[in-house]
Amino acid sequence: MASTSARRPWPALIAMLALLLLAAIVWWRVLNRDSGSTAAPACPTGTAPAATLPAPNRVTVLVLNATDRKGIGGKARSTLVSDGFNSPAAAANDKPNAKIRGVAEIRYGRRGRDGAVLLHYYLPGARLVRTDSKSATVVVSLGARYTGIASPSSVSATLRRKQIELETEPPGPPSSSPTC
């Protein structure tokens, strides 16, 4: 009876290669890790926002009605004011030749861009239109497919999901240490 004491080298070889790969990954991570000496300390309360938009009380809106439906401009303006937006002028009709087939047009100049982006969350499906206006006032012209303003709770949920925060104070000079 021949005794076969020869062992198969494959299981041991595979185990050694797996350990070698694991060690290589660990050392690669150690060597390529940032030392953290120049990085600012992280705030303990979660991740930084992806973007910041002005709070509604910092946005001035002019509401126009570009449809034949009466009263929708006034209702939209009232809803936006109750949601915190500034709208010193009463809602009015848009130019007679301004026919908007979609939900709305949100018209803004350079100074009104962030306010327009915030309003876009209140009017999902509206079209953002850049103008040459020097004013920070955002013009919302309601169109044929307008059905209403999104609720503040749904807007807040969308902003939270997209990691967008609203400014609560006017921007000041940058500080040397992060505020948490």
N, C-alpha and C. Protein backbone atom coordinates (compact mmCIF):
# COMPACT_ATOMS: atom_id res chain seq x y z
N MET A 1 0.83 -1.17 0.00
CA MET A 1 0.00 0.00 0.00
C MET A 1 0.88 1.25 0.00
N ALA A 2 0.67 2.00 -0.98
CA ALA A 2 1.49 3.20 -1.11
C ALA A 2 0.87 4.33 -0.32
N SER A 3 1.65 4.92 0.48
CA SER A 3 1.16 6.02 1.31
C SER A 3 1.40 7.33 0.56
N THR A 4 0.34 8.04 0.38
CA THR A 4 0.46 9.33 -0.31
C THR A 4 0.49 10.44 0.74
N SER A 5 1.63 10.81 1.11
CA SER A 5 1.76 11.87 2.11
C SER A 5 1.99 13.23 1.45
N ALA A 6 1.94 13.27 0.15
CA ALA A 6 2.10 14.55 -0.55
C ALA A 6 0.84 15.38 -0.36
N ARG A 7 1.01 16.61 0.00
CA ARG A 7 -0.14 17.49 0.25
C ARG A 7 -0.32 18.41 -0.95
N ARG A 8 -1.53 18.82 -1.10
CA ARG A 8 -1.83 19.74 -2.20
C ARG A 8 -1.49 21.16 -1.76
N PRO A 9 -0.72 21.89 -2.55
CA PRO A 9 -0.28 23.22 -2.13
C PRO A 9 -1.31 24.33 -2.41
N TRP A 10 -2.36 24.07 -3.18
CA TRP A 10 -3.28 25.13 -3.60
C TRP A 10 -4.02 25.81 -2.44
N PRO A 11 -4.61 25.12 -1.49
CA PRO A 11 -5.31 25.84 -0.41
C PRO A 11 -4.38 26.74 0.39
N ALA A 12 -3.19 26.28 0.69
CA ALA A 12 -2.25 27.10 1.44
C ALA A 12 -1.80 28.30 0.60
N LEU A 13 -1.57 28.09 -0.67
CA LEU A 13 -1.16 29.18 -1.56
C LEU A 13 -2.25 30.25 -1.68
N ILE A 14 -3.48 29.82 -1.79
CA ILE A 14 -4.61 30.77 -1.89
C ILE A 14 -4.74 31.56 -0.59
N ALA A 15 -4.60 30.90 0.55
CA ALA A 15 -4.68 31.58 1.84
C ALA A 15 -3.56 32.61 1.97
N MET A 16 -2.36 32.26 1.56
CA MET A 16 -1.22 33.18 1.64
C MET A 16 -1.43 34.40 0.73
N LEU A 17 -1.96 34.17 -0.48
CA LEU A 17 -2.22 35.28 -1.39
C LEU A 17 -3.31 36.21 -0.83
N ALA A 18 -4.33 35.66 -0.21
CA ALA A 18 -5.39 36.46 0.40
C ALA A 18 -4.82 37.33 1.52
N LEU A 19 -3.99 36.75 2.37
CA LEU A 19 -3.37 37.52 3.45
C LEU A 19 -2.43 38.60 2.91
N LEU A 20 -1.70 38.29 1.87
CA LEU A 20 -0.81 39.25 1.25
C LEU A 20 -1.61 40.43 0.66
N LEU A 21 -2.72 40.14 0.00
CA LEU A 21 -3.58 41.18 -0.56
C LEU A 21 -4.16 42.06 0.55
N LEU A 22 -4.62 41.44 1.63
CA LEU A 22 -5.17 42.19 2.75
C LEU A 22 -4.11 43.10 3.36
N ALA A 23 -2.90 42.59 3.55
CA ALA A 23 -1.82 43.41 4.10
C ALA A 23 -1.48 44.57 3.16
N ALA A 24 -1.48 44.32 1.87
CA ALA A 24 -1.19 45.39 0.90
C ALA A 24 -2.25 46.48 0.97
N ILE A 25 -3.52 46.10 1.09
CA ILE A 25 -4.60 47.09 1.18
C ILE A 25 -4.46 47.93 2.44
N VAL A 26 -4.17 47.28 3.57
CA VAL A 26 -4.01 48.00 4.83
C VAL A 26 -2.86 49.00 4.73
N TRP A 27 -1.72 48.57 4.23
CA TRP A 27 -0.57 49.47 4.11
C TRP A 27 -0.84 50.59 3.11
N TRP A 28 -1.54 50.32 2.02
CA TRP A 28 -1.87 51.37 1.05
C TRP A 28 -2.72 52.45 1.71
N ARG A 29 -3.70 52.02 2.51
CA ARG A 29 -4.57 52.99 3.19
C ARG A 29 -3.79 53.79 4.22
N VAL A 30 -2.88 53.15 4.94
CA VAL A 30 -2.08 53.84 5.94
C VAL A 30 -1.18 54.87 5.27
N LEU A 31 -0.52 54.51 4.21
CA LEU A 31 0.42 55.41 3.55
C LEU A 31 -0.27 56.54 2.79
N ASN A 32 -1.48 56.33 2.32
CA ASN A 32 -2.18 57.36 1.54
C ASN A 32 -3.19 58.15 2.36
N ARG A 33 -3.18 57.96 3.66
CA ARG A 33 -4.10 58.67 4.53
C ARG A 33 -3.58 60.09 4.75
N ASP A 34 -4.52 61.06 4.81
CA ASP A 34 -4.15 62.44 5.09
C ASP A 34 -3.76 62.54 6.55
N SER A 35 -2.69 63.24 6.83
CA SER A 35 -2.21 63.36 8.22
C SER A 35 -3.15 64.18 9.07
N GLY A 36 -3.96 65.06 8.44
CA GLY A 36 -4.95 65.85 9.17
C GLY A 36 -4.35 67.09 9.82
N SER A 37 -3.08 67.36 9.63
CA SER A 37 -2.46 68.50 10.29
C SER A 37 -2.95 69.84 9.72
N THR A 38 -3.35 69.87 8.45
CA THR A 38 -3.81 71.12 7.87
C THR A 38 -5.32 71.19 7.76
N ALA A 39 -5.99 70.13 8.03
CA ALA A 39 -7.45 70.11 7.90
C ALA A 39 -8.10 70.75 9.12
N ALA A 40 -9.22 71.40 8.89
CA ALA A 40 -9.97 71.99 9.99
C ALA A 40 -10.68 70.88 10.75
N PRO A 41 -10.86 71.06 12.04
CA PRO A 41 -11.56 70.03 12.80
C PRO A 41 -13.01 69.91 12.33
N ALA A 42 -13.49 68.71 12.32
CA ALA A 42 -14.85 68.46 11.85
C ALA A 42 -15.84 68.80 12.94
N CYS A 43 -17.01 69.27 12.53
CA CYS A 43 -18.08 69.52 13.48
C CYS A 43 -18.69 68.19 13.88
N PRO A 44 -19.02 68.01 15.13
CA PRO A 44 -19.54 66.73 15.57
C PRO A 44 -20.97 66.46 15.17
N THR A 45 -21.66 67.41 14.55
CA THR A 45 -23.08 67.24 14.29
C THR A 45 -23.39 66.94 12.83
N GLY A 46 -22.78 65.96 12.23
CA GLY A 46 -23.17 65.53 10.90
C GLY A 46 -22.33 66.13 9.81
N THR A 47 -22.87 66.06 8.58
CA THR A 47 -22.12 66.50 7.41
C THR A 47 -22.42 67.96 7.10
N ALA A 48 -21.53 68.58 6.37
CA ALA A 48 -21.72 69.95 5.95
C ALA A 48 -22.78 70.00 4.85
N PRO A 49 -23.53 71.10 4.77
CA PRO A 49 -24.54 71.18 3.72
C PRO A 49 -23.92 71.25 2.34
N ALA A 50 -24.61 70.70 1.36
CA ALA A 50 -24.13 70.75 -0.01
C ALA A 50 -24.25 72.17 -0.56
N ALA A 51 -25.24 72.92 -0.09
CA ALA A 51 -25.45 74.29 -0.54
C ALA A 51 -26.24 75.05 0.52
N THR A 52 -26.23 76.36 0.39
CA THR A 52 -26.98 77.21 1.31
C THR A 52 -27.79 78.18 0.46
N LEU A 53 -29.06 78.31 0.80
CA LEU A 53 -29.95 79.26 0.12
C LEU A 53 -30.48 80.25 1.15
N PRO A 54 -30.93 81.42 0.71
CA PRO A 54 -31.49 82.38 1.66
C PRO A 54 -32.80 81.88 2.24
N ALA A 55 -33.07 82.28 3.47
CA ALA A 55 -34.36 81.96 4.08
C ALA A 55 -35.45 82.72 3.32
N PRO A 56 -36.69 82.23 3.34
CA PRO A 56 -37.76 82.92 2.60
C PRO A 56 -37.91 84.40 2.96
N ASN A 57 -37.68 84.77 4.23
CA ASN A 57 -37.85 86.17 4.61
C ASN A 57 -36.78 87.09 4.03
N ARG A 58 -35.79 86.51 3.36
CA ARG A 58 -34.74 87.31 2.72
C ARG A 58 -34.94 87.38 1.20
N VAL A 59 -36.09 86.87 0.70
CA VAL A 59 -36.36 86.85 -0.73
C VAL A 59 -37.58 87.71 -1.01
N THR A 60 -37.45 88.63 -1.96
CA THR A 60 -38.57 89.49 -2.38
C THR A 60 -39.10 88.96 -3.70
N VAL A 61 -40.43 88.80 -3.75
CA VAL A 61 -41.09 88.18 -4.90
C VAL A 61 -42.17 89.09 -5.45
N LEU A 62 -42.25 89.14 -6.77
CA LEU A 62 -43.36 89.78 -7.46
C LEU A 62 -44.09 88.67 -8.21
N VAL A 63 -45.40 88.51 -7.93
CA VAL A 63 -46.17 87.43 -8.54
C VAL A 63 -47.02 88.00 -9.68
N LEU A 64 -46.92 87.36 -10.84
CA LEU A 64 -47.70 87.76 -12.02
C LEU A 64 -48.53 86.57 -12.50
N ASN A 65 -49.64 86.87 -13.12
CA ASN A 65 -50.52 85.84 -13.68
C ASN A 65 -50.45 85.93 -15.20
N ALA A 66 -49.97 84.87 -15.84
CA ALA A 66 -49.88 84.85 -17.31
C ALA A 66 -50.96 83.95 -17.90
N THR A 67 -52.05 83.75 -17.15
CA THR A 67 -53.14 82.90 -17.64
C THR A 67 -54.43 83.72 -17.70
N ASP A 68 -55.50 83.08 -18.18
CA ASP A 68 -56.81 83.72 -18.19
C ASP A 68 -57.58 83.45 -16.91
N ARG A 69 -57.03 82.62 -16.02
CA ARG A 69 -57.70 82.30 -14.75
C ARG A 69 -57.56 83.47 -13.79
N LYS A 70 -58.66 83.91 -13.26
CA LYS A 70 -58.66 85.07 -12.37
C LYS A 70 -58.37 84.64 -10.93
N GLY A 71 -57.57 85.45 -10.24
CA GLY A 71 -57.33 85.26 -8.81
C GLY A 71 -56.19 84.34 -8.43
N ILE A 72 -55.60 83.64 -9.39
CA ILE A 72 -54.53 82.71 -8.99
C ILE A 72 -53.27 83.44 -8.55
N GLY A 73 -53.01 84.61 -9.11
CA GLY A 73 -51.85 85.38 -8.70
C GLY A 73 -51.96 85.84 -7.26
N GLY A 74 -53.12 86.33 -6.89
CA GLY A 74 -53.34 86.79 -5.51
C GLY A 74 -53.24 85.65 -4.51
N LYS A 75 -53.81 84.49 -4.86
CA LYS A 75 -53.73 83.33 -3.96
C LYS A 75 -52.30 82.84 -3.82
N ALA A 76 -51.56 82.81 -4.93
CA ALA A 76 -50.17 82.37 -4.88
C ALA A 76 -49.34 83.35 -4.04
N ARG A 77 -49.59 84.65 -4.23
CA ARG A 77 -48.86 85.66 -3.44
C ARG A 77 -49.17 85.50 -1.96
N SER A 78 -50.44 85.31 -1.60
CA SER A 78 -50.81 85.13 -0.19
C SER A 78 -50.13 83.91 0.41
N THR A 79 -50.08 82.82 -0.35
CA THR A 79 -49.43 81.61 0.14
C THR A 79 -47.94 81.84 0.35
N LEU A 80 -47.29 82.49 -0.60
CA LEU A 80 -45.86 82.76 -0.47
C LEU A 80 -45.57 83.69 0.72
N VAL A 81 -46.42 84.69 0.92
CA VAL A 81 -46.25 85.59 2.06
C VAL A 81 -46.44 84.83 3.37
N SER A 82 -47.43 83.95 3.43
CA SER A 82 -47.62 83.16 4.66
C SER A 82 -46.49 82.16 4.88
N ASP A 83 -45.79 81.80 3.81
CA ASP A 83 -44.62 80.92 3.93
C ASP A 83 -43.35 81.70 4.29
N GLY A 84 -43.47 83.04 4.39
CA GLY A 84 -42.36 83.85 4.85
C GLY A 84 -41.70 84.74 3.81
N PHE A 85 -42.11 84.66 2.55
CA PHE A 85 -41.50 85.48 1.51
C PHE A 85 -41.99 86.91 1.61
N ASN A 86 -41.18 87.86 1.13
CA ASN A 86 -41.58 89.27 1.05
C ASN A 86 -42.20 89.51 -0.31
N SER A 87 -43.38 90.12 -0.31
CA SER A 87 -44.02 90.48 -1.57
C SER A 87 -44.77 91.79 -1.34
N PRO A 88 -44.04 92.91 -1.42
CA PRO A 88 -44.66 94.20 -1.11
C PRO A 88 -45.71 94.65 -2.12
N ALA A 89 -45.61 94.22 -3.36
CA ALA A 89 -46.57 94.64 -4.39
C ALA A 89 -47.64 93.56 -4.57
N ALA A 90 -48.85 94.01 -4.86
CA ALA A 90 -49.94 93.07 -5.12
C ALA A 90 -49.67 92.31 -6.41
N ALA A 91 -50.24 91.13 -6.49
CA ALA A 91 -50.11 90.33 -7.71
C ALA A 91 -50.76 91.08 -8.87
N ALA A 92 -50.22 90.90 -10.04
CA ALA A 92 -50.74 91.59 -11.22
C ALA A 92 -50.74 90.63 -12.40
N ASN A 93 -51.31 91.07 -13.50
CA ASN A 93 -51.27 90.28 -14.73
C ASN A 93 -49.95 90.53 -15.44
N ASP A 94 -49.43 89.48 -16.07
CA ASP A 94 -48.22 89.62 -16.87
C ASP A 94 -48.59 90.32 -18.16
N LYS A 95 -47.60 90.64 -18.96
CA LYS A 95 -47.85 91.29 -20.25
C LYS A 95 -48.84 90.46 -21.06
N PRO A 96 -49.69 91.09 -21.85
CA PRO A 96 -50.71 90.34 -22.61
C PRO A 96 -50.13 89.26 -23.53
N ASN A 97 -48.95 89.47 -24.05
CA ASN A 97 -48.39 88.48 -24.97
C ASN A 97 -47.55 87.42 -24.25
N ALA A 98 -47.47 87.49 -22.92
CA ALA A 98 -46.68 86.51 -22.16
C ALA A 98 -47.57 85.31 -21.85
N LYS A 99 -47.48 84.31 -22.66
CA LYS A 99 -48.23 83.07 -22.44
C LYS A 99 -47.25 81.99 -22.02
N ILE A 100 -47.43 81.49 -20.84
CA ILE A 100 -46.54 80.47 -20.29
C ILE A 100 -47.32 79.17 -20.22
N ARG A 101 -46.87 78.19 -20.96
CA ARG A 101 -47.59 76.91 -21.04
C ARG A 101 -47.29 76.00 -19.86
N GLY A 102 -46.14 76.16 -19.23
CA GLY A 102 -45.74 75.30 -18.11
C GLY A 102 -46.33 75.78 -16.80
N VAL A 103 -45.73 75.35 -15.70
CA VAL A 103 -46.18 75.71 -14.36
C VAL A 103 -45.99 77.21 -14.12
N ALA A 104 -44.78 77.68 -14.37
CA ALA A 104 -44.46 79.09 -14.14
C ALA A 104 -43.08 79.39 -14.71
N GLU A 105 -42.79 80.68 -14.80
CA GLU A 105 -41.44 81.14 -15.09
C GLU A 105 -40.97 81.89 -13.86
N ILE A 106 -39.78 81.55 -13.41
CA ILE A 106 -39.17 82.27 -12.29
C ILE A 106 -38.04 83.09 -12.90
N ARG A 107 -38.27 84.42 -12.99
CA ARG A 107 -37.32 85.32 -13.64
C ARG A 107 -36.47 86.01 -12.58
N TYR A 108 -35.17 86.05 -12.84
CA TYR A 108 -34.27 86.61 -11.84
C TYR A 108 -33.05 87.22 -12.51
N GLY A 109 -32.48 88.20 -11.83
CA GLY A 109 -31.22 88.79 -12.25
C GLY A 109 -30.09 88.19 -11.43
N ARG A 110 -28.91 88.73 -11.61
CA ARG A 110 -27.74 88.18 -10.93
C ARG A 110 -27.91 88.18 -9.41
N ARG A 111 -28.45 89.25 -8.85
CA ARG A 111 -28.61 89.35 -7.40
C ARG A 111 -29.76 88.50 -6.86
N GLY A 112 -30.64 88.03 -7.71
CA GLY A 112 -31.79 87.25 -7.25
C GLY A 112 -31.67 85.76 -7.50
N ARG A 113 -30.51 85.29 -7.93
CA ARG A 113 -30.34 83.88 -8.31
C ARG A 113 -30.67 82.91 -7.18
N ASP A 114 -30.11 83.13 -6.00
CA ASP A 114 -30.35 82.19 -4.90
C ASP A 114 -31.82 82.18 -4.47
N GLY A 115 -32.44 83.35 -4.47
CA GLY A 115 -33.87 83.41 -4.15
C GLY A 115 -34.71 82.67 -5.18
N ALA A 116 -34.31 82.77 -6.45
CA ALA A 116 -35.02 82.06 -7.52
C ALA A 116 -34.89 80.55 -7.35
N VAL A 117 -33.68 80.12 -6.97
CA VAL A 117 -33.48 78.67 -6.77
C VAL A 117 -34.36 78.19 -5.62
N LEU A 118 -34.45 78.97 -4.54
CA LEU A 118 -35.34 78.59 -3.43
C LEU A 118 -36.79 78.53 -3.89
N LEU A 119 -37.23 79.54 -4.64
CA LEU A 119 -38.61 79.55 -5.15
C LEU A 119 -38.89 78.36 -6.06
N HIS A 120 -37.89 77.88 -6.74
CA HIS A 120 -38.07 76.73 -7.62
C HIS A 120 -38.52 75.49 -6.84
N TYR A 121 -38.11 75.38 -5.57
CA TYR A 121 -38.58 74.27 -4.73
C TYR A 121 -40.04 74.45 -4.33
N TYR A 122 -40.52 75.69 -4.26
CA TYR A 122 -41.92 75.96 -3.94
C TYR A 122 -42.81 75.81 -5.18
N LEU A 123 -42.20 75.90 -6.36
CA LEU A 123 -42.94 75.77 -7.62
C LEU A 123 -42.27 74.70 -8.48
N PRO A 124 -42.39 73.43 -8.06
CA PRO A 124 -41.74 72.37 -8.84
C PRO A 124 -42.27 72.34 -10.27
N GLY A 125 -41.37 72.20 -11.20
CA GLY A 125 -41.75 72.18 -12.61
C GLY A 125 -41.67 73.54 -13.27
N ALA A 126 -41.45 74.59 -12.47
CA ALA A 126 -41.32 75.93 -13.04
C ALA A 126 -39.98 76.04 -13.76
N ARG A 127 -39.92 76.98 -14.68
CA ARG A 127 -38.71 77.18 -15.46
C ARG A 127 -37.96 78.40 -14.94
N LEU A 128 -36.67 78.25 -14.65
CA LEU A 128 -35.83 79.37 -14.22
C LEU A 128 -35.36 80.13 -15.46
N VAL A 129 -35.55 81.46 -15.44
CA VAL A 129 -35.18 82.30 -16.59
C VAL A 129 -34.30 83.45 -16.09
N ARG A 130 -33.07 83.48 -16.53
CA ARG A 130 -32.13 84.54 -16.16
C ARG A 130 -32.44 85.77 -16.99
N THR A 131 -32.45 86.94 -16.32
CA THR A 131 -32.69 88.21 -17.00
C THR A 131 -31.52 89.15 -16.76
N ASP A 132 -31.58 90.33 -17.33
CA ASP A 132 -30.55 91.34 -17.14
C ASP A 132 -30.86 92.26 -15.97
N SER A 133 -31.85 91.92 -15.17
CA SER A 133 -32.28 92.75 -14.06
C SER A 133 -31.15 92.98 -13.06
N LYS A 134 -31.06 94.19 -12.55
CA LYS A 134 -30.08 94.54 -11.52
C LYS A 134 -30.68 94.36 -10.13
N SER A 135 -31.98 94.14 -10.07
CA SER A 135 -32.70 94.00 -8.80
C SER A 135 -32.57 92.59 -8.22
N ALA A 136 -32.70 92.50 -6.92
CA ALA A 136 -32.71 91.19 -6.26
C ALA A 136 -34.11 90.59 -6.22
N THR A 137 -35.12 91.35 -6.66
CA THR A 137 -36.49 90.86 -6.68
C THR A 137 -36.65 89.76 -7.72
N VAL A 138 -37.32 88.69 -7.32
CA VAL A 138 -37.57 87.57 -8.21
C VAL A 138 -39.01 87.69 -8.71
N VAL A 139 -39.20 87.53 -10.00
CA VAL A 139 -40.54 87.62 -10.60
C VAL A 139 -41.02 86.20 -10.90
N VAL A 140 -42.20 85.88 -10.38
CA VAL A 140 -42.83 84.58 -10.65
C VAL A 140 -44.04 84.84 -11.52
N SER A 141 -44.01 84.32 -12.73
CA SER A 141 -45.13 84.46 -13.64
C SER A 141 -45.80 83.10 -13.79
N LEU A 142 -47.03 83.00 -13.27
CA LEU A 142 -47.75 81.71 -13.25
C LEU A 142 -48.26 81.35 -14.64
N GLY A 143 -48.10 80.08 -14.97
CA GLY A 143 -48.49 79.61 -16.29
C GLY A 143 -49.71 78.72 -16.28
N ALA A 144 -50.02 78.17 -17.45
CA ALA A 144 -51.24 77.38 -17.65
C ALA A 144 -51.29 76.12 -16.79
N ARG A 145 -50.15 75.54 -16.47
CA ARG A 145 -50.13 74.30 -15.68
C ARG A 145 -49.94 74.52 -14.18
N TYR A 146 -50.05 75.76 -13.75
CA TYR A 146 -49.92 76.06 -12.33
C TYR A 146 -51.11 75.49 -11.57
N THR A 147 -50.81 74.78 -10.49
CA THR A 147 -51.89 74.22 -9.65
C THR A 147 -51.77 74.66 -8.20
N GLY A 148 -50.60 75.12 -7.77
CA GLY A 148 -50.45 75.56 -6.39
C GLY A 148 -49.00 75.60 -5.96
N ILE A 149 -48.80 76.17 -4.78
CA ILE A 149 -47.47 76.28 -4.18
C ILE A 149 -47.23 75.02 -3.33
N ALA A 150 -46.03 74.48 -3.39
CA ALA A 150 -45.69 73.31 -2.57
C ALA A 150 -45.72 73.71 -1.10
N SER A 151 -46.09 72.78 -0.25
CA SER A 151 -46.17 73.05 1.19
C SER A 151 -44.78 73.23 1.78
N PRO A 152 -44.67 74.06 2.82
CA PRO A 152 -43.36 74.24 3.45
C PRO A 152 -42.75 72.92 3.96
N SER A 153 -43.59 72.00 4.41
CA SER A 153 -43.05 70.72 4.90
C SER A 153 -42.45 69.89 3.76
N SER A 154 -43.08 69.91 2.58
CA SER A 154 -42.51 69.15 1.46
C SER A 154 -41.25 69.84 0.94
N VAL A 155 -41.21 71.16 0.96
CA VAL A 155 -40.02 71.89 0.55
C VAL A 155 -38.88 71.58 1.53
N SER A 156 -39.18 71.63 2.83
CA SER A 156 -38.15 71.33 3.85
C SER A 156 -37.61 69.92 3.68
N ALA A 157 -38.49 68.96 3.40
CA ALA A 157 -38.05 67.57 3.22
C ALA A 157 -37.14 67.45 1.99
N THR A 158 -37.49 68.13 0.92
CA THR A 158 -36.65 68.09 -0.29
C THR A 158 -35.30 68.74 -0.04
N LEU A 159 -35.29 69.89 0.64
CA LEU A 159 -34.03 70.57 0.94
C LEU A 159 -33.15 69.71 1.84
N ARG A 160 -33.77 69.06 2.83
CA ARG A 160 -33.02 68.19 3.73
C ARG A 160 -32.42 67.02 2.97
N ARG A 161 -33.21 66.42 2.08
CA ARG A 161 -32.74 65.28 1.29
C ARG A 161 -31.57 65.67 0.39
N LYS A 162 -31.59 66.90 -0.12
CA LYS A 162 -30.51 67.38 -0.99
C LYS A 162 -29.40 68.07 -0.21
N GLN A 163 -29.48 68.04 1.12
CA GLN A 163 -28.50 68.64 2.01
C GLN A 163 -28.32 70.13 1.74
N ILE A 164 -29.43 70.81 1.58
CA ILE A 164 -29.42 72.26 1.38
C ILE A 164 -29.97 72.90 2.64
N GLU A 165 -29.24 73.87 3.16
CA GLU A 165 -29.68 74.58 4.34
C GLU A 165 -30.10 75.99 3.97
N LEU A 166 -30.95 76.58 4.81
CA LEU A 166 -31.36 77.95 4.62
C LEU A 166 -30.56 78.84 5.56
N GLU A 167 -30.12 80.01 5.05
CA GLU A 167 -29.39 80.97 5.87
C GLU A 167 -30.34 81.53 6.91
N THR A 168 -29.85 81.64 8.12
CA THR A 168 -30.68 82.24 9.16
C THR A 168 -30.20 83.64 9.50
N GLU A 169 -28.93 83.94 9.23
CA GLU A 169 -28.38 85.26 9.51
C GLU A 169 -27.70 85.78 8.25
N PRO A 170 -27.58 87.09 8.12
CA PRO A 170 -26.87 87.60 6.96
C PRO A 170 -25.43 87.12 6.97
N PRO A 171 -24.87 86.86 5.79
CA PRO A 171 -23.48 86.39 5.75
C PRO A 171 -22.55 87.46 6.26
N GLY A 172 -21.57 87.04 7.03
CA GLY A 172 -20.58 87.96 7.59
C GLY A 172 -19.21 87.55 7.10
N PRO A 173 -18.18 88.17 7.71
CA PRO A 173 -16.82 87.80 7.30
C PRO A 173 -16.51 86.37 7.71
N PRO A 174 -15.69 85.67 6.93
CA PRO A 174 -15.36 84.29 7.28
C PRO A 174 -14.59 84.24 8.58
N SER A 175 -14.89 83.26 9.40
CA SER A 175 -14.20 83.11 10.67
C SER A 175 -13.02 82.15 10.50
N SER A 176 -12.08 82.25 11.43
CA SER A 176 -10.90 81.40 11.34
C SER A 176 -11.17 80.01 11.86
N SER A 177 -12.20 79.86 12.68
CA SER A 177 -12.53 78.52 13.16
C SER A 177 -13.97 78.22 12.82
N PRO A 178 -14.27 76.96 12.54
CA PRO A 178 -15.63 76.63 12.15
C PRO A 178 -16.59 76.77 13.33
N THR A 179 -17.82 77.17 12.99
CA THR A 179 -18.85 77.21 14.02
C THR A 179 -19.69 75.97 13.88
N CYS A 180 -19.87 75.31 14.95
CA CYS A 180 -20.62 74.06 14.92
C CYS A 180 -21.98 74.22 15.53
